[in-house]
């Protein structure tokens, strides 16, 4: 719970301070990279950490992740321009790539599916507290102190989380020789970097039909094909291809992809939309985003009662319908900027995502043994990170394109309002498209997917 809190707070604390950061060090056109580079680093490292967690154990990987997140936070606090801040955010992302999926994997190790229906409330409480604390701290630091404290506040949290993990978590892992898939991890990293770079910079740094854009898309796509070939021959692939042969894992991962896109679209653009278009303070705009991340844990904590009764698929479809309703509401209210109506729409989206993310992840986790749970959890979180990284790149391209066509500049309230509305429409499209994954998800009840623990590899937890 402490380790999850690091990532939960970071998910909301930065967005509220974007206008303050831009005012201090400039670089509005680059600011989507603050989120994109973080999510890219997180996405490409998740499969590696997840595989390592299945081989060397969860605890050392968690400690490495917390350490990287701490170093990245300190460096971000001392950033001197937007470029340096973006680079240091990548270090943070490498840490987050270990912390969140491995902490969720540990939860899957310790509790059965039925127990997790109750334990989900404890984990959800972390996100509930962080959803209020993160935007509030971000707004207070941006308005009354310095945005740099947004990163420095992570220092004591990282230290406490690491000390508690060292003291309270114990595991037994079988000693075996393993071969790390360095080639697969490297090719995947380069491929995703090129593809996201092409989406984010297309139409901005270069034209969509320029040689740079074509080359980035082409090479990135070819590298993905090469990655698939490498994984087919690897002794211990970083992203095993058998994952894509199981319908439950494929569909839940695709749903996670859509959830990531919807989540980043709102947390990245609602604060800027309210601060520039409606003239609200960073604190108030932060609380509007908090409504999204408050609705999520409330719904997630109750989702166990639903999926135990009606199954995982029906619970996810109900959540997707609610998320689409909330996204559509945000599009409507964006024409008349108001923090309270925006907060209400975000809260509805959060309720929907809470009913989607938890049941689908638990269903995927529960269908495999301990030795595969890390990589399955990692695949789900990897797709969510990819969805967020690609989503923020696409949304950034949409926003910058609308602002450029308006000719009013990036500080114009009218231009920002129009760009934000366009982004919210794109979020609605992403939410609606995710329903396809829910419909394709197999009908499954708890008793159908729960994999009984294997005593020889189970974690001995005290």
Protein backbone atom coordinates (compact mmCIF):
# COMPACT_ATOMS: atom_id res chain seq x y z
CA UNK A 1 0.00 0.00 0.00
CA UNK A 2 2.86 2.39 0.80
CA UNK A 3 4.65 1.62 -2.46
CA UNK A 4 1.44 1.96 -4.46
CA UNK A 5 0.92 5.34 -2.82
CA UNK A 6 4.08 6.65 -4.51
CA UNK A 7 2.64 6.04 -7.96
CA UNK A 8 -0.90 7.02 -6.98
CA UNK A 9 0.16 10.48 -5.80
CA UNK A 10 2.41 11.00 -8.81
CA UNK A 11 -0.53 10.22 -11.11
CA UNK A 12 -2.33 13.42 -10.10
CA UNK A 13 0.14 15.80 -8.48
CA UNK A 14 1.96 16.93 -11.65
CA UNK A 15 -0.94 17.82 -13.93
CA UNK A 16 -2.16 20.63 -11.68
CA UNK A 17 1.21 22.40 -11.89
CA UNK A 18 1.76 22.29 -15.66
CA UNK A 19 0.84 25.99 -16.20
CA UNK A 20 3.20 26.99 -13.36
CA UNK A 21 6.03 24.87 -14.75
CA UNK A 22 5.56 26.31 -18.25
CA UNK A 23 5.48 29.85 -16.84
CA UNK A 24 8.77 29.20 -15.03
CA UNK A 25 10.85 27.23 -17.55
CA UNK A 26 8.77 27.48 -20.76
CA UNK A 27 8.12 24.72 -23.29
CA UNK A 28 4.32 24.44 -23.58
CA UNK A 29 4.56 22.52 -26.87
CA UNK A 30 6.84 20.00 -25.14
CA UNK A 31 4.78 19.51 -21.97
CA UNK A 32 2.95 16.38 -23.21
CA UNK A 33 6.38 14.74 -23.12
CA UNK A 34 6.38 15.13 -19.31
CA UNK A 35 3.68 12.47 -19.27
CA UNK A 36 4.63 10.60 -22.44
CA UNK A 37 8.30 9.97 -21.56
CA UNK A 38 7.33 8.86 -18.05
CA UNK A 39 4.74 6.47 -19.41
CA UNK A 40 7.06 5.26 -22.17
CA UNK A 41 9.82 4.44 -19.67
CA UNK A 42 7.27 2.75 -17.45
CA UNK A 43 5.74 0.80 -20.32
CA UNK A 44 8.94 -0.61 -21.79
CA UNK A 45 10.35 -1.55 -18.38
CA UNK A 46 7.25 -3.29 -17.01
CA UNK A 47 7.75 -6.55 -18.99
CA UNK A 48 11.40 -6.73 -17.90
CA UNK A 49 10.66 -6.13 -14.23
CA UNK A 50 7.70 -8.53 -14.31
CA UNK A 51 9.83 -11.30 -15.77
CA UNK A 52 12.55 -10.64 -13.20
CA UNK A 53 9.95 -10.73 -10.43
CA UNK A 54 9.00 -14.24 -11.55
CA UNK A 55 12.65 -15.34 -11.53
CA UNK A 56 14.56 -13.57 -8.74
CA UNK A 57 11.57 -12.63 -6.58
CA UNK A 58 9.31 -9.65 -5.99
CA UNK A 59 11.19 -7.91 -3.17
CA UNK A 60 14.49 -6.97 -4.88
CA UNK A 61 12.65 -5.65 -7.94
CA UNK A 62 10.39 -3.50 -5.74
CA UNK A 63 13.41 -2.02 -3.96
CA UNK A 64 15.12 -1.24 -7.28
CA UNK A 65 11.96 0.48 -8.49
CA UNK A 66 11.62 2.59 -5.34
CA UNK A 67 15.30 3.58 -5.60
CA UNK A 68 14.98 4.71 -9.22
CA UNK A 69 11.80 6.62 -8.45
CA UNK A 70 13.59 8.40 -5.60
CA UNK A 71 16.58 9.38 -7.76
CA UNK A 72 14.29 10.58 -10.55
CA UNK A 73 12.24 12.69 -8.14
CA UNK A 74 15.32 14.43 -6.73
CA UNK A 75 16.64 15.19 -10.23
CA UNK A 76 13.25 16.52 -11.40
CA UNK A 77 13.24 18.93 -8.48
CA UNK A 78 16.49 20.45 -9.75
CA UNK A 79 15.52 20.58 -13.46
CA UNK A 80 16.58 23.85 -15.15
CA UNK A 81 14.52 23.65 -18.36
CA UNK A 82 11.79 21.56 -19.96
CA UNK A 83 14.28 19.26 -21.70
CA UNK A 84 16.08 18.33 -18.48
CA UNK A 85 12.75 17.84 -16.69
CA UNK A 86 11.61 15.46 -19.43
CA UNK A 87 14.84 13.44 -19.17
CA UNK A 88 14.54 13.14 -15.39
CA UNK A 89 10.89 12.13 -15.69
CA UNK A 90 12.13 9.14 -17.69
CA UNK A 91 14.13 8.03 -14.65
CA UNK A 92 10.99 8.30 -12.54
CA UNK A 93 9.14 6.21 -15.11
CA UNK A 94 11.76 3.46 -14.93
CA UNK A 95 11.10 3.26 -11.20
CA UNK A 96 7.34 3.25 -11.58
CA UNK A 97 7.67 0.42 -14.09
CA UNK A 98 8.74 -1.84 -11.23
CA UNK A 99 6.69 -0.55 -8.30
CA UNK A 100 3.10 -0.70 -9.55
CA UNK A 101 2.96 -4.08 -11.35
CA UNK A 102 5.08 -5.90 -8.75
CA UNK A 103 3.01 -4.54 -5.87
CA UNK A 104 -0.13 -5.77 -7.60
CA UNK A 105 1.54 -9.12 -8.25
CA UNK A 106 2.36 -9.46 -4.54
CA UNK A 107 -1.30 -8.88 -3.73
CA UNK A 108 -2.18 -11.68 -6.14
CA UNK A 109 0.34 -13.96 -4.39
CA UNK A 110 -0.92 -13.38 -0.88
CA UNK A 111 -4.71 -13.51 -1.37
CA UNK A 112 -7.19 -15.73 -3.17
CA UNK A 113 -9.69 -14.25 -5.64
CA UNK A 114 -12.44 -14.13 -3.03
CA UNK A 115 -10.13 -12.54 -0.46
CA UNK A 116 -9.05 -9.96 -3.01
CA UNK A 117 -12.66 -8.82 -3.33
CA UNK A 118 -12.24 -7.52 0.24
CA UNK A 119 -8.56 -6.55 0.05
CA UNK A 120 -9.32 -4.45 -3.01
CA UNK A 121 -10.92 -1.98 -0.62
CA UNK A 122 -7.62 -1.54 1.21
CA UNK A 123 -5.71 -0.92 -2.01
CA UNK A 124 -8.49 1.38 -3.23
CA UNK A 125 -8.13 3.44 -0.06
CA UNK A 126 -4.59 4.32 -1.16
CA UNK A 127 -5.87 5.73 -4.44
CA UNK A 128 -8.76 7.48 -2.65
CA UNK A 129 -6.41 9.30 -0.27
CA UNK A 130 -3.91 10.03 -3.05
CA UNK A 131 -6.65 11.34 -5.35
CA UNK A 132 -7.31 14.12 -2.86
CA UNK A 133 -3.82 14.54 -1.45
CA UNK A 134 -2.02 14.61 -4.83
CA UNK A 135 -3.97 17.41 -6.56
CA UNK A 136 -4.20 19.36 -3.31
CA UNK A 137 -0.44 19.26 -2.76
CA UNK A 138 0.21 19.99 -6.43
CA UNK A 139 -2.09 23.01 -6.34
CA UNK A 140 -0.68 24.30 -3.05
CA UNK A 141 2.93 23.95 -4.17
CA UNK A 142 2.23 25.59 -7.54
CA UNK A 143 0.22 28.45 -6.01
CA UNK A 144 2.03 29.23 -2.76
CA UNK A 145 5.53 27.68 -2.93
CA UNK A 146 7.33 26.14 -5.91
CA UNK A 147 6.36 23.41 -8.35
CA UNK A 148 9.67 21.73 -7.50
CA UNK A 149 8.23 20.52 -4.21
CA UNK A 150 5.91 18.30 -6.27
CA UNK A 151 8.93 16.05 -6.79
CA UNK A 152 10.77 16.58 -3.51
CA UNK A 153 7.76 15.43 -1.51
CA UNK A 154 8.46 11.92 -2.87
CA UNK A 155 11.72 11.67 -0.94
CA UNK A 156 10.29 10.81 2.51
CA UNK A 157 7.59 8.63 0.94
CA UNK A 158 10.19 6.53 -0.92
CA UNK A 159 12.33 6.12 2.20
CA UNK A 160 9.38 5.02 4.35
CA UNK A 161 8.10 2.58 1.70
CA UNK A 162 11.54 0.97 1.28
CA UNK A 163 12.11 0.61 5.03
CA UNK A 164 8.67 -0.95 5.57
CA UNK A 165 9.20 -3.33 2.67
CA UNK A 166 12.58 -4.44 4.05
CA UNK A 167 11.08 -5.03 7.46
CA UNK A 168 7.69 -6.59 6.72
CA UNK A 169 7.90 -8.56 3.48
CA UNK A 170 9.58 -11.98 3.31
CA UNK A 171 9.56 -14.45 0.45
CA UNK A 172 11.12 -17.76 -0.53
CA UNK A 173 12.22 -18.11 -4.14
CA UNK A 174 13.68 -21.24 -5.71
CA UNK A 175 17.28 -20.87 -6.88
CA UNK A 176 17.58 -21.49 -10.61
CA UNK A 177 19.74 -20.23 -13.46
CA UNK A 178 17.86 -17.80 -15.69
CA UNK A 179 18.61 -16.08 -18.98
CA UNK A 180 17.42 -12.48 -19.26
CA UNK A 181 15.97 -11.54 -22.66
CA UNK A 182 18.16 -8.49 -23.24
CA UNK A 183 17.66 -8.49 -27.02
CA UNK A 184 13.87 -8.58 -26.74
CA UNK A 185 13.76 -5.82 -24.14
CA UNK A 186 16.08 -3.59 -26.18
CA UNK A 187 14.20 -4.02 -29.46
CA UNK A 188 10.85 -3.42 -27.77
CA UNK A 189 12.14 -0.24 -26.12
CA UNK A 190 13.46 1.21 -29.39
CA UNK A 191 10.30 0.24 -31.31
CA UNK A 192 7.92 1.90 -28.85
CA UNK A 193 10.14 4.97 -28.58
CA UNK A 194 10.11 5.49 -32.36
CA UNK A 195 6.35 4.95 -32.69
CA UNK A 196 5.44 7.31 -29.85
CA UNK A 197 7.95 9.89 -31.09
CA UNK A 198 6.33 9.73 -34.52
CA UNK A 199 2.84 10.27 -33.08
CA UNK A 200 3.82 13.07 -30.71
CA UNK A 201 6.00 15.08 -33.10
CA UNK A 202 3.98 14.43 -36.27
CA UNK A 203 2.43 17.67 -37.47
CA UNK A 204 4.60 19.65 -35.02
CA UNK A 205 8.36 19.14 -35.40
CA UNK A 206 7.79 17.68 -38.86
CA UNK A 207 4.91 17.06 -41.27
CA UNK A 208 2.95 13.81 -41.15
CA UNK A 209 4.08 12.92 -44.68
CA UNK A 210 7.73 13.92 -44.12
CA UNK A 211 10.59 11.44 -44.32
CA UNK A 212 11.12 11.69 -40.55
CA UNK A 213 7.54 10.65 -39.79
CA UNK A 214 7.49 7.86 -42.39
CA UNK A 215 10.87 6.55 -41.23
CA UNK A 216 9.87 6.53 -37.56
CA UNK A 217 6.59 4.68 -38.22
CA UNK A 218 8.23 2.23 -40.64
CA UNK A 219 11.27 1.38 -38.53
CA UNK A 220 9.15 1.18 -35.37
CA UNK A 221 6.73 -1.22 -37.04
CA UNK A 222 9.53 -3.40 -38.44
CA UNK A 223 11.15 -3.56 -35.01
CA UNK A 224 7.89 -4.80 -33.52
CA UNK A 225 7.91 -7.62 -36.07
CA UNK A 226 11.54 -8.34 -35.18
CA UNK A 227 10.57 -8.34 -31.50
CA UNK A 228 7.94 -11.02 -32.15
CA UNK A 229 10.56 -13.17 -33.92
CA UNK A 230 13.05 -12.71 -31.08
CA UNK A 231 10.44 -13.69 -28.48
CA UNK A 232 9.61 -16.83 -30.45
CA UNK A 233 13.20 -18.07 -30.07
CA UNK A 234 14.12 -16.64 -26.66
CA UNK A 235 14.69 -19.16 -23.85
CA UNK A 236 12.89 -16.90 -21.35
CA UNK A 237 11.12 -14.19 -23.38
CA UNK A 238 10.46 -10.86 -21.72
CA UNK A 239 6.93 -10.91 -23.15
CA UNK A 240 6.02 -14.57 -23.86
CA UNK A 241 3.95 -15.07 -27.00
CA UNK A 242 1.72 -17.60 -25.24
CA UNK A 243 0.07 -14.62 -23.57
CA UNK A 244 -1.53 -13.74 -26.89
CA UNK A 245 -3.00 -17.22 -27.31
CA UNK A 246 -5.24 -16.95 -24.25
CA UNK A 247 -8.46 -15.10 -24.93
CA UNK A 248 -9.00 -13.93 -21.36
CA UNK A 249 -5.52 -12.40 -21.11
CA UNK A 250 -5.69 -10.80 -24.58
CA UNK A 251 -9.09 -9.18 -24.02
CA UNK A 252 -8.31 -7.94 -20.51
CA UNK A 253 -5.02 -6.48 -21.77
CA UNK A 254 -6.81 -4.67 -24.62
CA UNK A 255 -9.27 -3.25 -22.10
CA UNK A 256 -6.31 -2.08 -20.03
CA UNK A 257 -4.95 -0.34 -23.15
CA UNK A 258 -8.16 1.69 -23.45
CA UNK A 259 -8.28 2.43 -19.72
CA UNK A 260 -4.78 3.89 -19.91
CA UNK A 261 -5.70 6.18 -22.79
CA UNK A 262 -8.88 7.47 -21.12
CA UNK A 263 -7.14 8.03 -17.79
CA UNK A 264 -4.20 10.02 -19.18
CA UNK A 265 -6.43 12.09 -21.45
CA UNK A 266 -8.34 13.49 -18.50
CA UNK A 267 -5.57 13.78 -15.90
CA UNK A 268 -3.31 15.57 -18.41
CA UNK A 269 -5.76 18.06 -19.91
CA UNK A 270 -8.57 18.80 -17.44
CA UNK A 271 -6.33 20.96 -15.15
CA UNK A 272 -4.95 23.07 -18.00
CA UNK A 273 -8.45 23.34 -19.52
CA UNK A 274 -9.91 24.71 -16.27
CA UNK A 275 -6.99 26.97 -15.33
CA UNK A 276 -6.76 28.68 -18.73
CA UNK A 277 -10.37 28.51 -19.96
CA UNK A 278 -12.24 29.07 -16.70
CA UNK A 279 -9.52 30.94 -14.79
CA UNK A 280 -9.58 28.53 -11.85
CA UNK A 281 -6.64 28.19 -9.46
CA UNK A 282 -4.31 25.18 -9.61
CA UNK A 283 -5.81 23.98 -6.32
CA UNK A 284 -9.39 23.94 -7.64
CA UNK A 285 -8.41 22.37 -10.95
CA UNK A 286 -6.50 19.73 -9.02
CA UNK A 287 -9.58 18.88 -7.00
CA UNK A 288 -11.54 18.47 -10.25
CA UNK A 289 -9.07 15.80 -11.33
CA UNK A 290 -9.28 14.32 -7.84
CA UNK A 291 -12.93 13.58 -8.56
CA UNK A 292 -11.78 11.17 -11.28
CA UNK A 293 -9.29 9.35 -9.08
CA UNK A 294 -11.76 9.37 -6.18
CA UNK A 295 -14.52 7.74 -8.21
CA UNK A 296 -12.14 4.99 -9.35
CA UNK A 297 -11.31 3.53 -5.89
CA UNK A 298 -14.88 3.88 -4.67
CA UNK A 299 -16.09 1.73 -7.55
CA UNK A 300 -13.10 -0.61 -7.36
CA UNK A 301 -13.72 -1.30 -3.68
CA UNK A 302 -17.26 -2.40 -4.50
CA UNK A 303 -16.45 -4.24 -7.72
CA UNK A 304 -15.70 -7.45 -5.82
CA UNK A 305 -19.31 -7.77 -4.77
CA UNK A 306 -20.35 -7.44 -8.38
CA UNK A 307 -17.92 -9.84 -10.05
CA UNK A 308 -18.47 -12.46 -7.35
CA UNK A 309 -22.18 -12.32 -8.18
CA UNK A 310 -22.45 -11.65 -11.93
CA UNK A 311 -18.97 -12.48 -13.22
CA UNK A 312 -16.02 -10.50 -14.55
CA UNK A 313 -17.31 -9.75 -18.05
CA UNK A 314 -20.63 -8.25 -17.03
CA UNK A 315 -18.97 -6.13 -14.35
CA UNK A 316 -16.47 -4.78 -16.89
CA UNK A 317 -19.21 -3.97 -19.42
CA UNK A 318 -21.20 -2.06 -16.81
CA UNK A 319 -18.06 -0.07 -15.98
CA UNK A 320 -17.35 0.69 -19.64
CA UNK A 321 -20.90 1.97 -20.16
CA UNK A 322 -20.53 4.29 -17.15
CA UNK A 323 -17.13 5.53 -18.40
CA UNK A 324 -18.58 6.34 -21.84
CA UNK A 325 -21.42 8.25 -20.16
CA UNK A 326 -18.94 10.28 -18.13
CA UNK A 327 -16.71 11.01 -21.12
CA UNK A 328 -19.71 12.19 -23.15
CA UNK A 329 -20.75 14.43 -20.26
CA UNK A 330 -17.30 16.02 -20.18
CA UNK A 331 -17.50 16.84 -23.88
CA UNK A 332 -20.84 18.58 -23.33
CA UNK A 333 -19.71 20.62 -20.31
CA UNK A 334 -16.44 21.63 -22.00
CA UNK A 335 -18.33 24.20 -24.10
CA UNK A 336 -19.13 26.13 -20.90
CA UNK A 337 -16.02 25.71 -18.69
CA UNK A 338 -16.90 25.18 -15.04
CA UNK A 339 -14.84 23.29 -12.44
CA UNK A 340 -17.85 21.72 -10.73
CA UNK A 341 -19.49 20.26 -13.82
CA UNK A 342 -16.09 19.06 -15.06
CA UNK A 343 -15.46 17.42 -11.68
CA UNK A 344 -18.82 15.65 -11.82
CA UNK A 345 -18.09 14.29 -15.30
CA UNK A 346 -14.63 13.13 -14.17
CA UNK A 347 -16.16 11.43 -11.14
CA UNK A 348 -18.52 9.46 -13.38
CA UNK A 349 -15.62 8.38 -15.60
CA UNK A 350 -13.73 7.31 -12.48
CA UNK A 351 -16.62 5.19 -11.29
CA UNK A 352 -16.67 3.44 -14.65
CA UNK A 353 -12.93 2.80 -14.77
CA UNK A 354 -13.00 1.41 -11.24
CA UNK A 355 -15.53 -1.21 -12.33
CA UNK A 356 -13.36 -2.09 -15.32
CA UNK A 357 -9.72 -2.13 -14.22
CA UNK A 358 -9.90 -4.22 -11.04
CA UNK A 359 -12.13 -7.11 -12.23
CA UNK A 360 -10.26 -7.54 -15.53
CA UNK A 361 -6.83 -7.57 -13.84
CA UNK A 362 -7.96 -9.97 -11.11
CA UNK A 363 -9.47 -12.30 -13.73
CA UNK A 364 -6.18 -12.41 -15.67
CA UNK A 365 -4.03 -12.86 -12.54
CA UNK A 366 -6.19 -15.64 -11.15
CA UNK A 367 -6.00 -17.76 -14.29
CA UNK A 368 -2.27 -18.52 -13.93
CA UNK A 369 0.10 -19.98 -11.28
CA UNK A 370 2.71 -18.05 -9.25
CA UNK A 371 5.47 -18.59 -11.83
CA UNK A 372 3.40 -16.82 -14.50
CA UNK A 373 1.52 -14.27 -12.42
CA UNK A 374 4.22 -11.62 -12.60
CA UNK A 375 4.43 -11.65 -16.39
CA UNK A 376 0.62 -11.70 -16.76
CA UNK A 377 0.26 -8.76 -14.37
CA UNK A 378 3.10 -7.04 -16.19
CA UNK A 379 1.45 -7.55 -19.57
CA UNK A 380 -1.76 -5.97 -18.28
CA UNK A 381 0.05 -3.00 -16.74
CA UNK A 382 2.31 -2.76 -19.81
CA UNK A 383 -0.70 -2.34 -22.09
CA UNK A 384 -2.17 0.27 -19.75
CA UNK A 385 1.11 2.20 -19.85
CA UNK A 386 1.28 1.87 -23.63
CA UNK A 387 -2.31 3.12 -23.85
CA UNK A 388 -1.41 6.12 -21.72
CA UNK A 389 1.83 6.83 -23.59
CA UNK A 390 0.24 6.56 -27.03
CA UNK A 391 -2.87 8.32 -25.79
CA UNK A 392 -1.04 11.37 -24.47
CA UNK A 393 0.93 11.51 -27.72
CA UNK A 394 -2.25 11.45 -29.83
CA UNK A 395 -4.06 13.88 -27.54
CA UNK A 396 -1.06 16.18 -27.61
CA UNK A 397 -1.03 16.10 -31.40
CA UNK A 398 -4.77 16.87 -31.46
CA UNK A 399 -4.43 19.76 -29.00
CA UNK A 400 -1.39 21.31 -30.69
CA UNK A 401 -3.06 20.96 -34.08
CA UNK A 402 -6.20 22.79 -32.94
CA UNK A 403 -4.16 25.55 -31.29
CA UNK A 404 -2.02 25.97 -34.42
CA UNK A 405 -5.09 26.24 -36.68
CA UNK A 406 -6.70 28.81 -34.38
CA UNK A 407 -3.77 31.18 -34.80
CA UNK A 408 -4.42 32.56 -31.29
CA UNK A 409 -1.42 31.06 -29.53
CA UNK A 410 -1.00 28.62 -26.67
CA UNK A 411 -1.99 31.18 -24.00
CA UNK A 412 -5.37 32.05 -25.50
CA UNK A 413 -8.34 30.85 -23.39
CA UNK A 414 -10.40 30.37 -26.55
CA UNK A 415 -7.71 28.26 -28.21
CA UNK A 416 -7.17 26.14 -25.07
CA UNK A 417 -10.91 25.58 -24.71
CA UNK A 418 -11.23 24.44 -28.32
CA UNK A 419 -8.17 22.18 -28.00
CA UNK A 420 -9.47 20.68 -24.74
CA UNK A 421 -12.87 19.94 -26.27
CA UNK A 422 -11.16 18.16 -29.16
CA UNK A 423 -9.11 16.09 -26.70
CA UNK A 424 -12.22 15.16 -24.69
CA UNK A 425 -13.92 13.99 -27.89
CA UNK A 426 -10.88 11.81 -28.58
CA UNK A 427 -11.15 10.43 -25.03
CA UNK A 428 -14.81 9.60 -25.66
CA UNK A 429 -13.85 7.72 -28.83
CA UNK A 430 -11.22 5.75 -26.89
CA UNK A 431 -13.72 4.85 -24.15
CA UNK A 432 -16.30 3.74 -26.71
CA UNK A 433 -13.73 1.66 -28.62
CA UNK A 434 -12.74 -0.13 -25.41
CA UNK A 435 -16.23 -1.63 -25.23
CA UNK A 436 -15.16 -3.97 -28.06
CA UNK A 437 -12.64 -5.57 -25.71
CA UNK A 438 -15.32 -6.03 -23.06
CA UNK A 439 -17.67 -7.69 -25.51
CA UNK A 440 -14.92 -10.07 -26.67
CA UNK A 441 -14.01 -11.03 -23.10
CA UNK A 442 -15.06 -14.64 -22.35
CA UNK A 443 -17.84 -15.31 -19.88
CA UNK A 444 -16.06 -16.27 -16.68
CA UNK A 445 -16.96 -16.57 -13.02
CA UNK A 446 -14.55 -16.67 -10.10
CA UNK A 447 -14.63 -20.46 -9.87
CA UNK A 448 -13.86 -20.74 -13.60
CA UNK A 449 -10.58 -18.83 -13.54
CA UNK A 450 -9.12 -19.25 -10.06
CA UNK A 451 -5.82 -21.12 -10.28
CA UNK A 452 -4.98 -23.05 -7.14
CA UNK A 453 -1.56 -22.11 -5.72
CA UNK A 454 1.36 -24.46 -6.33
CA UNK A 455 3.03 -25.16 -2.96
CA UNK A 456 6.56 -25.51 -4.35
CA UNK A 457 6.61 -21.98 -5.76
CA UNK A 458 4.18 -20.10 -3.56
CA UNK A 459 5.44 -17.10 -1.61
CA UNK A 460 5.84 -17.65 2.11
CA UNK A 461 4.41 -14.39 3.40
CA UNK A 462 4.44 -13.27 7.03
